PDB file of N, CA and C in Angstrom:
ATOM      1  N   MET A   1     219.858-133.600  11.295  1.00  0.00           N
ATOM      2  CA  MET A   1     218.915-132.592  11.727  1.00  0.00           C
ATOM      3  C   MET A   1     218.326-131.841  10.539  1.00  0.00           C
ATOM      4  N   ARG A   2     219.143-131.600   9.562  1.00  0.00           N
ATOM      5  CA  ARG A   2     218.657-130.883   8.375  1.00  0.00           C
ATOM      6  C   ARG A   2     217.481-131.630   7.752  1.00  0.00           C
ATOM      7  N   SER A   3     217.555-132.953   7.764  1.00  0.00           N
ATOM      8  CA  SER A   3     216.472-133.737   7.159  1.00  0.00           C
ATOM      9  C   SER A   3     215.155-133.537   7.901  1.00  0.00           C
ATOM     10  N   LEU A   4     215.213-133.309   9.211  1.00  0.00           N
ATOM     11  CA  LEU A   4     213.980-133.042   9.959  1.00  0.00           C
ATOM     12  C   LEU A   4     213.305-131.773   9.446  1.00  0.00           C
ATOM     13  N   ALA A   5     214.090-130.747   9.210  1.00  0.00           N
ATOM     14  CA  ALA A   5     213.533-129.497   8.690  1.00  0.00           C
ATOM     15  C   ALA A   5     212.961-129.702   7.293  1.00  0.00           C
ATOM     16  N   VAL A   6     213.635-130.486   6.482  1.00  0.00           N
ATOM     17  CA  VAL A   6     213.198-130.705   5.103  1.00  0.00           C
ATOM     18  C   VAL A   6     211.867-131.443   5.049  1.00  0.00           C
ATOM     19  N   ILE A   7     211.681-132.451   5.913  1.00  0.00           N
ATOM     20  CA  ILE A   7     210.462-133.264   5.838  1.00  0.00           C
ATOM     21  C   ILE A   7     209.321-132.725   6.696  1.00  0.00           C
ATOM     22  N   SER A   8     209.566-131.672   7.459  1.00  0.00           N
ATOM     23  CA  SER A   8     208.529-131.123   8.329  1.00  0.00           C
ATOM     24  C   SER A   8     207.346-130.619   7.497  1.00  0.00           C
ATOM     25  N   PRO A   9     206.117-130.977   7.912  1.00  0.00           N
ATOM     26  CA  PRO A   9     204.954-130.450   7.196  1.00  0.00           C
ATOM     27  C   PRO A   9     204.709-128.961   7.482  1.00  0.00           C
ATOM     28  N   THR A  10     205.329-128.445   8.523  1.00  0.00           N
ATOM     29  CA  THR A  10     205.284-127.023   8.839  1.00  0.00           C
ATOM     30  C   THR A  10     206.602-126.417   8.383  1.00  0.00           C
ATOM     31  N   SER A  11     206.581-125.220   7.862  1.00  0.00           N
ATOM     32  CA  SER A  11     207.796-124.574   7.394  1.00  0.00           C
ATOM     33  C   SER A  11     208.851-124.589   8.498  1.00  0.00           C
ATOM     34  N   ALA A  12     210.020-125.158   8.195  1.00  0.00           N
ATOM     35  CA  ALA A  12     211.077-125.287   9.200  1.00  0.00           C
ATOM     36  C   ALA A  12     212.419-124.959   8.567  1.00  0.00           C
ATOM     37  N   SER A  13     213.274-124.326   9.376  1.00  0.00           N
ATOM     38  CA  SER A  13     214.624-124.024   8.919  1.00  0.00           C
ATOM     39  C   SER A  13     215.612-124.661   9.883  1.00  0.00           C
ATOM     40  N   PHE A  14     216.825-124.883   9.389  1.00  0.00           N
ATOM     41  CA  PHE A  14     217.877-125.514  10.191  1.00  0.00           C
ATOM     42  C   PHE A  14     219.169-124.737  10.045  1.00  0.00           C
ATOM     43  N   THR A  15     219.849-124.541  11.166  1.00  0.00           N
ATOM     44  CA  THR A  15     221.220-124.052  11.153  1.00  0.00           C
ATOM     45  C   THR A  15     222.007-124.902  12.131  1.00  0.00           C
ATOM     46  N   GLY A  16     223.278-125.083  11.827  1.00  0.00           N
ATOM     47  CA  GLY A  16     224.098-125.907  12.696  1.00  0.00           C
ATOM     48  C   GLY A  16     225.510-125.391  12.805  1.00  0.00           C
ATOM     49  N   ASP A  17     226.062-125.580  13.976  1.00  0.00           N
ATOM     50  CA  ASP A  17     227.456-125.269  14.236  1.00  0.00           C
ATOM     51  C   ASP A  17     228.060-126.529  14.838  1.00  0.00           C
ATOM     52  N   GLY A  18     228.852-127.233  14.069  1.00  0.00           N
ATOM     53  CA  GLY A  18     229.393-128.516  14.496  1.00  0.00           C
ATOM     54  C   GLY A  18     228.520-129.651  14.005  1.00  0.00           C
ATOM     55  N   ASP A  19     228.956-130.851  14.264  1.00  0.00           N
ATOM     56  CA  ASP A  19     228.240-132.026  13.778  1.00  0.00           C
ATOM     57  C   ASP A  19     228.589-133.211  14.653  1.00  0.00           C
ATOM     58  N   LEU A  20     227.750-134.204  14.619  1.00  0.00           N
ATOM     59  CA  LEU A  20     228.030-135.473  15.268  1.00  0.00           C
ATOM     60  C   LEU A  20     228.277-136.523  14.194  1.00  0.00           C
ATOM     61  N   PRO A  21     229.340-137.304  14.313  1.00  0.00           N
ATOM     62  CA  PRO A  21     229.550-138.373  13.337  1.00  0.00           C
ATOM     63  C   PRO A  21     228.413-139.382  13.422  1.00  0.00           C
ATOM     64  N   ALA A  22     228.054-139.959  12.305  1.00  0.00           N
ATOM     65  CA  ALA A  22     226.955-140.920  12.255  1.00  0.00           C
ATOM     66  C   ALA A  22     227.178-142.100  13.192  1.00  0.00           C
ATOM     67  N   ASP A  23     228.443-142.459  13.455  1.00  0.00           N
ATOM     68  CA  ASP A  23     228.708-143.604  14.321  1.00  0.00           C
ATOM     69  C   ASP A  23     228.776-143.229  15.806  1.00  0.00           C
ATOM     70  N   ASP A  24     228.549-141.967  16.150  1.00  0.00           N
ATOM     71  CA  ASP A  24     228.511-141.535  17.543  1.00  0.00           C
ATOM     72  C   ASP A  24     227.183-142.006  18.134  1.00  0.00           C
ATOM     73  N   PRO A  25     227.202-142.791  19.211  1.00  0.00           N
ATOM     74  CA  PRO A  25     225.947-143.288  19.793  1.00  0.00           C
ATOM     75  C   PRO A  25     224.984-142.172  20.201  1.00  0.00           C
ATOM     76  N   LEU A  26     225.516-141.026  20.513  1.00  0.00           N
ATOM     77  CA  LEU A  26     224.677-139.906  20.907  1.00  0.00           C
ATOM     78  C   LEU A  26     223.878-139.353  19.725  1.00  0.00           C
ATOM     79  N   ALA A  27     224.400-139.511  18.522  1.00  0.00           N
ATOM     80  CA  ALA A  27     223.762-138.938  17.336  1.00  0.00           C
ATOM     81  C   ALA A  27     222.333-139.443  17.153  1.00  0.00           C
ATOM     82  N   VAL A  28     222.120-140.739  17.295  1.00  0.00           N
ATOM     83  CA  VAL A  28     220.784-141.301  17.105  1.00  0.00           C
ATOM     84  C   VAL A  28     219.826-140.786  18.170  1.00  0.00           C
ATOM     85  N   GLY A  29     220.263-140.798  19.417  1.00  0.00           N
ATOM     86  CA  GLY A  29     219.404-140.329  20.503  1.00  0.00           C
ATOM     87  C   GLY A  29     219.001-138.882  20.342  1.00  0.00           C
ATOM     88  N   VAL A  30     219.958-138.045  19.994  1.00  0.00           N
ATOM     89  CA  VAL A  30     219.682-136.623  19.816  1.00  0.00           C
ATOM     90  C   VAL A  30     218.749-136.407  18.622  1.00  0.00           C
ATOM     91  N   TYR A  31     218.974-137.129  17.541  1.00  0.00           N
ATOM     92  CA  TYR A  31     218.125-137.024  16.362  1.00  0.00           C
ATOM     93  C   TYR A  31     216.674-137.401  16.704  1.00  0.00           C
ATOM     94  N   LEU A  32     216.511-138.506  17.423  1.00  0.00           N
ATOM     95  CA  LEU A  32     215.158-138.952  17.773  1.00  0.00           C
ATOM     96  C   LEU A  32     214.473-137.978  18.727  1.00  0.00           C
ATOM     97  N   ALA A  33     215.222-137.411  19.665  1.00  0.00           N
ATOM     98  CA  ALA A  33     214.650-136.424  20.579  1.00  0.00           C
ATOM     99  C   ALA A  33     214.224-135.162  19.821  1.00  0.00           C
ATOM    100  N   ALA A  34     215.066-134.716  18.903  1.00  0.00           N
ATOM    101  CA  ALA A  34     214.715-133.545  18.094  1.00  0.00           C
ATOM    102  C   ALA A  34     213.481-133.832  17.245  1.00  0.00           C
ATOM    103  N   GLY A  35     213.411-135.035  16.704  1.00  0.00           N
ATOM    104  CA  GLY A  35     212.243-135.425  15.920  1.00  0.00           C
ATOM    105  C   GLY A  35     210.973-135.432  16.757  1.00  0.00           C
ATOM    106  N   GLU A  36     211.091-135.887  17.996  1.00  0.00           N
ATOM    107  CA  GLU A  36     209.947-135.879  18.914  1.00  0.00           C
ATOM    108  C   GLU A  36     209.503-134.452  19.214  1.00  0.00           C
ATOM    109  N   ALA A  37     210.449-133.573  19.482  1.00  0.00           N
ATOM    110  CA  ALA A  37     210.119-132.174  19.755  1.00  0.00           C
ATOM    111  C   ALA A  37     209.466-131.517  18.536  1.00  0.00           C
ATOM    112  N   LEU A  38     209.987-131.812  17.357  1.00  0.00           N
ATOM    113  CA  LEU A  38     209.417-131.254  16.132  1.00  0.00           C
ATOM    114  C   LEU A  38     208.001-131.781  15.913  1.00  0.00           C
ATOM    115  N   THR A  39     207.804-133.060  16.104  1.00  0.00           N
ATOM    116  CA  THR A  39     206.475-133.659  15.954  1.00  0.00           C
ATOM    117  C   THR A  39     205.477-133.008  16.905  1.00  0.00           C
ATOM    118  N   ASN A  40     205.898-132.802  18.157  1.00  0.00           N
ATOM    119  CA  ASN A  40     205.013-132.152  19.129  1.00  0.00           C
ATOM    120  C   ASN A  40     204.652-130.737  18.680  1.00  0.00           C
ATOM    121  N   ALA A  41     205.628-130.006  18.169  1.00  0.00           N
ATOM    122  CA  ALA A  41     205.358-128.644  17.706  1.00  0.00           C
ATOM    123  C   ALA A  41     204.372-128.645  16.541  1.00  0.00           C
ATOM    124  N   VAL A  42     204.579-129.530  15.597  1.00  0.00           N
ATOM    125  CA  VAL A  42     203.697-129.608  14.428  1.00  0.00           C
ATOM    126  C   VAL A  42     202.275-129.968  14.854  1.00  0.00           C
ATOM    127  N   LYS A  43     202.142-130.939  15.755  1.00  0.00           N
ATOM    128  CA  LYS A  43     200.824-131.428  16.158  1.00  0.00           C
ATOM    129  C   LYS A  43     200.070-130.468  17.073  1.00  0.00           C
ATOM    130  N   HIS A  44     200.781-129.794  17.966  1.00  0.00           N
ATOM    131  CA  HIS A  44     200.089-129.124  19.057  1.00  0.00           C
ATOM    132  C   HIS A  44     200.225-127.602  19.112  1.00  0.00           C
ATOM    133  N   SER A  45     201.200-127.035  18.421  1.00  0.00           N
ATOM    134  CA  SER A  45     201.475-125.609  18.634  1.00  0.00           C
ATOM    135  C   SER A  45     200.686-124.668  17.733  1.00  0.00           C
ATOM    136  N   GLY A  46     200.236-125.170  16.591  1.00  0.00           N
ATOM    137  CA  GLY A  46     199.600-124.284  15.625  1.00  0.00           C
ATOM    138  C   GLY A  46     200.608-123.376  14.933  1.00  0.00           C
ATOM    139  N   ALA A  47     201.880-123.726  15.018  1.00  0.00           N
ATOM    140  CA  ALA A  47     202.947-122.900  14.444  1.00  0.00           C
ATOM    141  C   ALA A  47     202.899-122.896  12.927  1.00  0.00           C
ATOM    142  N   THR A  48     203.356-121.783  12.362  1.00  0.00           N
ATOM    143  CA  THR A  48     203.537-121.705  10.918  1.00  0.00           C
ATOM    144  C   THR A  48     205.018-121.719  10.551  1.00  0.00           C
ATOM    145  N   GLU A  49     205.878-121.525  11.552  1.00  0.00           N
ATOM    146  CA  GLU A  49     207.324-121.560  11.322  1.00  0.00           C
ATOM    147  C   GLU A  49     208.023-122.194  12.525  1.00  0.00           C
ATOM    148  N   ILE A  50     209.021-123.005  12.235  1.00  0.00           N
ATOM    149  CA  ILE A  50     209.824-123.653  13.264  1.00  0.00           C
ATOM    150  C   ILE A  50     211.287-123.498  12.874  1.00  0.00           C
ATOM    151  N   THR A  51     212.124-123.185  13.843  1.00  0.00           N
ATOM    152  CA  THR A  51     213.566-123.152  13.587  1.00  0.00           C
ATOM    153  C   THR A  51     214.226-124.222  14.450  1.00  0.00           C
ATOM    154  N   ILE A  52     215.224-124.872  13.863  1.00  0.00           N
ATOM    155  CA  ILE A  52     216.010-125.893  14.553  1.00  0.00           C
ATOM    156  C   ILE A  52     217.464-125.438  14.505  1.00  0.00           C
ATOM    157  N   VAL A  53     218.082-125.342  15.675  1.00  0.00           N
ATOM    158  CA  VAL A  53     219.479-124.923  15.767  1.00  0.00           C
ATOM    159  C   VAL A  53     220.251-126.011  16.489  1.00  0.00           C
ATOM    160  N   LEU A  54     221.322-126.481  15.871  1.00  0.00           N
ATOM    161  CA  LEU A  54     222.204-127.491  16.458  1.00  0.00           C
ATOM    162  C   LEU A  54     223.534-126.836  16.768  1.00  0.00           C
ATOM    163  N   ASP A  55     224.012-127.044  17.983  1.00  0.00           N
ATOM    164  CA  ASP A  55     225.310-126.518  18.389  1.00  0.00           C
ATOM    165  C   ASP A  55     226.082-127.661  19.050  1.00  0.00           C
ATOM    166  N   VAL A  56     227.184-128.046  18.437  1.00  0.00           N
ATOM    167  CA  VAL A  56     228.007-129.143  18.945  1.00  0.00           C
ATOM    168  C   VAL A  56     229.404-128.617  19.213  1.00  0.00           C
ATOM    169  N   ASP A  57     229.886-128.842  20.440  1.00  0.00           N
ATOM    170  CA  ASP A  57     231.286-128.533  20.728  1.00  0.00           C
ATOM    171  C   ASP A  57     231.910-129.761  21.390  1.00  0.00           C
ATOM    172  N   ALA A  58     233.096-129.634  21.888  1.00  0.00           N
ATOM    173  CA  ALA A  58     233.824-130.780  22.435  1.00  0.00           C
ATOM    174  C   ALA A  58     233.123-131.418  23.631  1.00  0.00           C
ATOM    175  N   ASP A  59     232.337-130.647  24.364  1.00  0.00           N
ATOM    176  CA  ASP A  59     231.722-131.155  25.582  1.00  0.00           C
ATOM    177  C   ASP A  59     230.211-131.313  25.535  1.00  0.00           C
ATOM    178  N   THR A  60     229.543-130.570  24.671  1.00  0.00           N
ATOM    179  CA  THR A  60     228.092-130.485  24.737  1.00  0.00           C
ATOM    180  C   THR A  60     227.451-130.502  23.356  1.00  0.00           C
ATOM    181  N   VAL A  61     226.286-131.125  23.310  1.00  0.00           N
ATOM    182  CA  VAL A  61     225.411-131.056  22.136  1.00  0.00           C
ATOM    183  C   VAL A  61     224.142-130.347  22.592  1.00  0.00           C
ATOM    184  N   ARG A  62     223.752-129.323  21.850  1.00  0.00           N
ATOM    185  CA  ARG A  62     222.546-128.577  22.205  1.00  0.00           C
ATOM    186  C   ARG A  62     221.703-128.385  20.953  1.00  0.00           C
ATOM    187  N   ILE A  63     220.425-128.670  21.112  1.00  0.00           N
ATOM    188  CA  ILE A  63     219.464-128.439  20.041  1.00  0.00           C
ATOM    189  C   ILE A  63     218.401-127.497  20.596  1.00  0.00           C
ATOM    190  N   VAL A  64     218.104-126.463  19.855  1.00  0.00           N
ATOM    191  CA  VAL A  64     217.055-125.533  20.234  1.00  0.00           C
ATOM    192  C   VAL A  64     216.024-125.511  19.113  1.00  0.00           C
ATOM    193  N   LEU A  65     214.778-125.811  19.471  1.00  0.00           N
ATOM    194  CA  LEU A  65     213.664-125.731  18.524  1.00  0.00           C
ATOM    195  C   LEU A  65     212.749-124.604  18.981  1.00  0.00           C
ATOM    196  N   ARG A  66     212.497-123.662  18.083  1.00  0.00           N
ATOM    197  CA  ARG A  66     211.604-122.544  18.391  1.00  0.00           C
ATOM    198  C   ARG A  66     210.448-122.567  17.402  1.00  0.00           C
ATOM    199  N   ASP A  67     209.255-122.310  17.918  1.00  0.00           N
ATOM    200  CA  ASP A  67     208.108-122.193  17.024  1.00  0.00           C
ATOM    201  C   ASP A  67     207.364-120.904  17.326  1.00  0.00           C
ATOM    202  N   ASN A  68     206.533-120.499  16.395  1.00  0.00           N
ATOM    203  CA  ASN A  68     205.742-119.283  16.560  1.00  0.00           C
ATOM    204  C   ASN A  68     204.289-119.611  16.871  1.00  0.00           C
ATOM    205  N   GLY A  69     204.081-120.732  17.546  1.00  0.00           N
ATOM    206  CA  GLY A  69     202.728-121.199  17.846  1.00  0.00           C
ATOM    207  C   GLY A  69     202.102-120.538  19.064  1.00  0.00           C
ATOM    208  N   ILE A  70     201.160-121.268  19.669  1.00  0.00           N
ATOM    209  CA  ILE A  70     200.352-120.720  20.754  1.00  0.00           C
ATOM    210  C   ILE A  70     201.113-120.540  22.066  1.00  0.00           C
ATOM    211  N   GLY A  71     202.232-121.211  22.228  1.00  0.00           N
ATOM    212  CA  GLY A  71     203.011-121.072  23.456  1.00  0.00           C
ATOM    213  C   GLY A  71     202.333-121.746  24.633  1.00  0.00           C
ATOM    214  N   ASP A  72     202.685-121.316  25.821  1.00  0.00           N
ATOM    215  CA  ASP A  72     202.085-121.760  27.077  1.00  0.00           C
ATOM    216  C   ASP A  72     202.408-123.213  27.435  1.00  0.00           C
ATOM    217  N   LEU A  73     203.472-123.772  26.892  1.00  0.00           N
ATOM    218  CA  LEU A  73     203.906-125.106  27.308  1.00  0.00           C
ATOM    219  C   LEU A  73     204.650-124.942  28.624  1.00  0.00           C
ATOM    220  N   ARG A  74     204.212-125.659  29.656  1.00  0.00           N
ATOM    221  CA  ARG A  74     204.752-125.443  30.997  1.00  0.00           C
ATOM    222  C   ARG A  74     205.699-126.541  31.463  1.00  0.00           C
ATOM    223  N   GLN A  75     205.681-127.677  30.814  1.00  0.00           N
ATOM    224  CA  GLN A  75     206.580-128.758  31.203  1.00  0.00           C
ATOM    225  C   GLN A  75     206.954-129.584  29.990  1.00  0.00           C
ATOM    226  N   VAL A  76     208.060-130.287  30.103  1.00  0.00           N
ATOM    227  CA  VAL A  76     208.522-131.137  29.015  1.00  0.00           C
ATOM    228  C   VAL A  76     207.516-132.275  28.845  1.00  0.00           C
ATOM    229  N   PRO A  77     207.011-132.482  27.639  1.00  0.00           N
ATOM    230  CA  PRO A  77     206.071-133.580  27.415  1.00  0.00           C
ATOM    231  C   PRO A  77     206.718-134.925  27.758  1.00  0.00           C
ATOM    232  N   PRO A  78     205.941-135.857  28.328  1.00  0.00           N
ATOM    233  CA  PRO A  78     206.497-137.158  28.713  1.00  0.00           C
ATOM    234  C   PRO A  78     207.185-137.897  27.564  1.00  0.00           C
ATOM    235  N   SER A  79     206.657-137.782  26.366  1.00  0.00           N
ATOM    236  CA  SER A  79     207.269-138.482  25.224  1.00  0.00           C
ATOM    237  C   SER A  79     208.674-137.956  24.943  1.00  0.00           C
ATOM    238  N   LEU A  80     208.863-136.643  25.064  1.00  0.00           N
ATOM    239  CA  LEU A  80     210.188-136.056  24.858  1.00  0.00           C
ATOM    240  C   LEU A  80     211.106-136.394  26.026  1.00  0.00           C
ATOM    241  N   SER A  81     210.582-136.332  27.226  1.00  0.00           N
ATOM    242  CA  SER A  81     211.370-136.666  28.410  1.00  0.00           C
ATOM    243  C   SER A  81     211.917-138.090  28.303  1.00  0.00           C
ATOM    244  N   SER A  82     211.097-139.026  27.833  1.00  0.00           N
ATOM    245  CA  SER A  82     211.543-140.415  27.657  1.00  0.00           C
ATOM    246  C   SER A  82     212.672-140.515  26.643  1.00  0.00           C
ATOM    247  N   ARG A  83     212.550-139.801  25.544  1.00  0.00           N
ATOM    248  CA  ARG A  83     213.601-139.813  24.515  1.00  0.00           C
ATOM    249  C   ARG A  83     214.920-139.283  25.072  1.00  0.00           C
ATOM    250  N   VAL A  84     214.849-138.174  25.789  1.00  0.00           N
ATOM    251  CA  VAL A  84     216.046-137.535  26.323  1.00  0.00           C
ATOM    252  C   VAL A  84     216.691-138.404  27.402  1.00  0.00           C
ATOM    253  N   ASP A  85     215.871-139.100  28.170  1.00  0.00           N
ATOM    254  CA  ASP A  85     216.397-139.981  29.210  1.00  0.00           C
ATOM    255  C   ASP A  85     217.270-141.092  28.638  1.00  0.00           C
ATOM    256  N   THR A  86     217.025-141.498  27.392  1.00  0.00           N
ATOM    257  CA  THR A  86     217.801-142.600  26.810  1.00  0.00           C
ATOM    258  C   THR A  86     219.272-142.259  26.656  1.00  0.00           C
ATOM    259  N   PHE A  87     219.611-140.973  26.553  1.00  0.00           N
ATOM    260  CA  PHE A  87     221.028-140.596  26.448  1.00  0.00           C
ATOM    261  C   PHE A  87     221.449-139.714  27.625  1.00  0.00           C
ATOM    262  N   ARG A  88     220.682-139.789  28.695  1.00  0.00           N
ATOM    263  CA  ARG A  88     220.993-139.052  29.932  1.00  0.00           C
ATOM    264  C   ARG A  88     221.190-137.556  29.683  1.00  0.00           C
ATOM    265  N   GLY A  89     220.341-137.024  28.834  1.00  0.00           N
ATOM    266  CA  GLY A  89     220.382-135.599  28.551  1.00  0.00           C
ATOM    267  C   GLY A  89     219.351-134.861  29.370  1.00  0.00           C
ATOM    268  N   SER A  90     219.098-133.632  28.982  1.00  0.00           N
ATOM    269  CA  SER A  90     218.068-132.841  29.650  1.00  0.00           C
ATOM    270  C   SER A  90     217.274-132.070  28.601  1.00  0.00           C
ATOM    271  N   ALA A  91     216.066-131.727  28.964  1.00  0.00           N
ATOM    272  CA  ALA A  91     215.227-130.922  28.081  1.00  0.00           C
ATOM    273  C   ALA A  91     214.540-129.865  28.924  1.00  0.00           C
ATOM    274  N   GLN A  92     214.413-128.693  28.355  1.00  0.00           N
ATOM    275  CA  GLN A  92     213.708-127.591  28.999  1.00  0.00           C
ATOM    276  C   GLN A  92     212.767-126.982  27.984  1.00  0.00           C
ATOM    277  N   VAL A  93     211.653-126.463  28.474  1.00  0.00           N
ATOM    278  CA  VAL A  93     210.703-125.761  27.606  1.00  0.00           C
ATOM    279  C   VAL A  93     210.413-124.393  28.183  1.00  0.00           C
ATOM    280  N   HIS A  94     210.148-123.484  27.276  1.00  0.00           N
ATOM    281  CA  HIS A  94     209.744-122.143  27.670  1.00  0.00           C
ATOM    282  C   HIS A  94     208.734-121.667  26.638  1.00  0.00           C
ATOM    283  N   GLY A  95     207.569-121.315  27.101  1.00  0.00           N
ATOM    284  CA  GLY A  95     206.562-120.820  26.181  1.00  0.00           C
ATOM    285  C   GLY A  95     205.653-119.824  26.857  1.00  0.00           C
ATOM    286  N   LEU A  96     205.499-118.698  26.243  1.00  0.00           N
ATOM    287  CA  LEU A  96     204.569-117.686  26.728  1.00  0.00           C
ATOM    288  C   LEU A  96     203.359-117.663  25.804  1.00  0.00           C
ATOM    289  N   VAL A  97     202.188-117.501  26.392  1.00  0.00           N
ATOM    290  CA  VAL A  97     200.957-117.505  25.608  1.00  0.00           C
ATOM    291  C   VAL A  97     201.079-116.524  24.451  1.00  0.00           C
ATOM    292  N   GLY A  98     200.824-117.032  23.254  1.00  0.00           N
ATOM    293  CA  GLY A  98     200.843-116.208  22.056  1.00  0.00           C
ATOM    294  C   GLY A  98     202.229-115.875  21.517  1.00  0.00           C
ATOM    295  N   GLN A  99     203.279-116.372  22.184  1.00  0.00           N
ATOM    296  CA  GLN A  99     204.633-116.037  21.751  1.00  0.00           C
ATOM    297  C   GLN A  99     205.466-117.258  21.371  1.00  0.00           C
ATOM    298  N   GLY A 100     204.822-118.383  21.184  1.00  0.00           N
ATOM    299  CA  GLY A 100     205.546-119.569  20.756  1.00  0.00           C
ATOM    300  C   GLY A 100     206.223-120.299  21.895  1.00  0.00           C
ATOM    301  N   THR A 101     206.932-121.341  21.518  1.00  0.00           N
ATOM    302  CA  THR A 101     207.603-122.210  22.480  1.00  0.00           C
ATOM    303  C   THR A 101     209.030-122.445  22.034  1.00  0.00           C
ATOM    304  N   THR A 102     209.926-122.537  23.008  1.00  0.00           N
ATOM    305  CA  THR A 102     211.309-122.909  22.765  1.00  0.00           C
ATOM    306  C   THR A 102     211.591-124.173  23.561  1.00  0.00           C
ATOM    307  N   VAL A 103     212.089-125.181  22.885  1.00  0.00           N
ATOM    308  CA  VAL A 103     212.510-126.432  23.517  1.00  0.00           C
ATOM    309  C   VAL A 103     214.018-126.528  23.357  1.00  0.00           C
ATOM    310  N   THR A 104     214.725-126.729  24.473  1.00  0.00           N
ATOM    311  CA  THR A 104     216.170-126.876  24.445  1.00  0.00           C
ATOM    312  C   THR A 104     216.529-128.263  24.951  1.00  0.00           C
ATOM    313  N   ILE A 105     217.254-129.001  24.123  1.00  0.00           N
ATOM    314  CA  ILE A 105     217.716-130.345  24.463  1.00  0.00           C
ATOM    315  C   ILE A 105     219.231-130.279  24.574  1.00  0.00           C
ATOM    316  N   THR A 106     219.759-130.744  25.701  1.00  0.00           N
ATOM    317  CA  THR A 106     221.194-130.671  25.945  1.00  0.00           C
ATOM    318  C   THR A 106     221.711-132.032  26.385  1.00  0.00           C
ATOM    319  N   ALA A 107     222.894-132.378  25.894  1.00  0.00           N
ATOM    320  CA  ALA A 107     223.538-133.629  26.304  1.00  0.00           C
ATOM    321  C   ALA A 107     225.032-133.417  26.394  1.00  0.00           C
ATOM    322  N   GLY A 108     225.634-134.048  27.379  1.00  0.00           N
ATOM    323  CA  GLY A 108     227.085-134.040  27.471  1.00  0.00           C
ATOM    324  C   GLY A 108     227.650-135.075  26.515  1.00  0.00           C
ATOM    325  N   ARG A 109     228.824-134.813  25.980  1.00  0.00           N
ATOM    326  CA  ARG A 109     229.487-135.774  25.102  1.00  0.00           C
ATOM    327  C   ARG A 109     230.295-136.722  25.956  1.00  0.00           C
ATOM    328  N   GLY A 110     230.381-137.931  25.559  1.00  0.00           N
ATOM    329  CA  GLY A 110     231.132-138.923  26.317  1.00  0.00           C
ATOM    330  C   GLY A 110     230.461-140.267  26.217  1.00  0.00           C
ATOM    331  N   ILE A 111     230.918-141.214  26.962  1.00  0.00           N
ATOM    332  CA  ILE A 111     230.371-142.571  26.896  1.00  0.00           C
ATOM    333  C   ILE A 111     228.890-142.536  27.183  1.00  0.00           C
ATOM    334  N   GLY A 112     228.105-143.064  26.264  1.00  0.00           N
ATOM    335  CA  GLY A 112     226.665-143.102  26.395  1.00  0.00           C
ATOM    336  C   GLY A 112     226.001-141.754  26.260  1.00  0.00           C
ATOM    337  N   GLY A 113     226.777-140.724  25.997  1.00  0.00           N
ATOM    338  CA  GLY A 113     226.205-139.405  25.841  1.00  0.00           C
ATOM    339  C   GLY A 113     225.914-138.717  27.149  1.00  0.00           C
ATOM    340  N   GLY A 114     226.193-139.364  28.282  1.00  0.00           N
ATOM    341  CA  GLY A 114     225.857-138.775  29.568  1.00  0.00           C
ATOM    342  C   GLY A 114     226.921-137.847  30.072  1.00  0.00           C
ATOM    343  N   ARG A 115     226.595-137.211  31.149  1.00  0.00           N
ATOM    344  CA  ARG A 115     227.534-136.302  31.797  1.00  0.00           C
ATOM    345  C   ARG A 115     228.062-136.953  33.038  1.00  0.00           C
TER     346      ARG A 115
END
């Protein structure tokens, strides 16, 4: 996840609590979903700052991406929904006009990453 913040063309920061081992099948899916959410923010939000927060515990992986862009996102974009579906996770968006957008991606830990 840190690498996503580093390569982002928009200023991005990363914080994390916990980690996924590289050989965990969920790691790739979560990384790709976070990358999709970041790409959408860079392309469509007009944001100047993005934060990425990873929280991993024994049962759940959660990624929260916040931007300071235009907001007003009312549903999860189909491209992100497809990514999240690959590991049977969920995604939620919240954005108020002029107050940016928050995308939360959640997955249960376990076989295939599903719950």
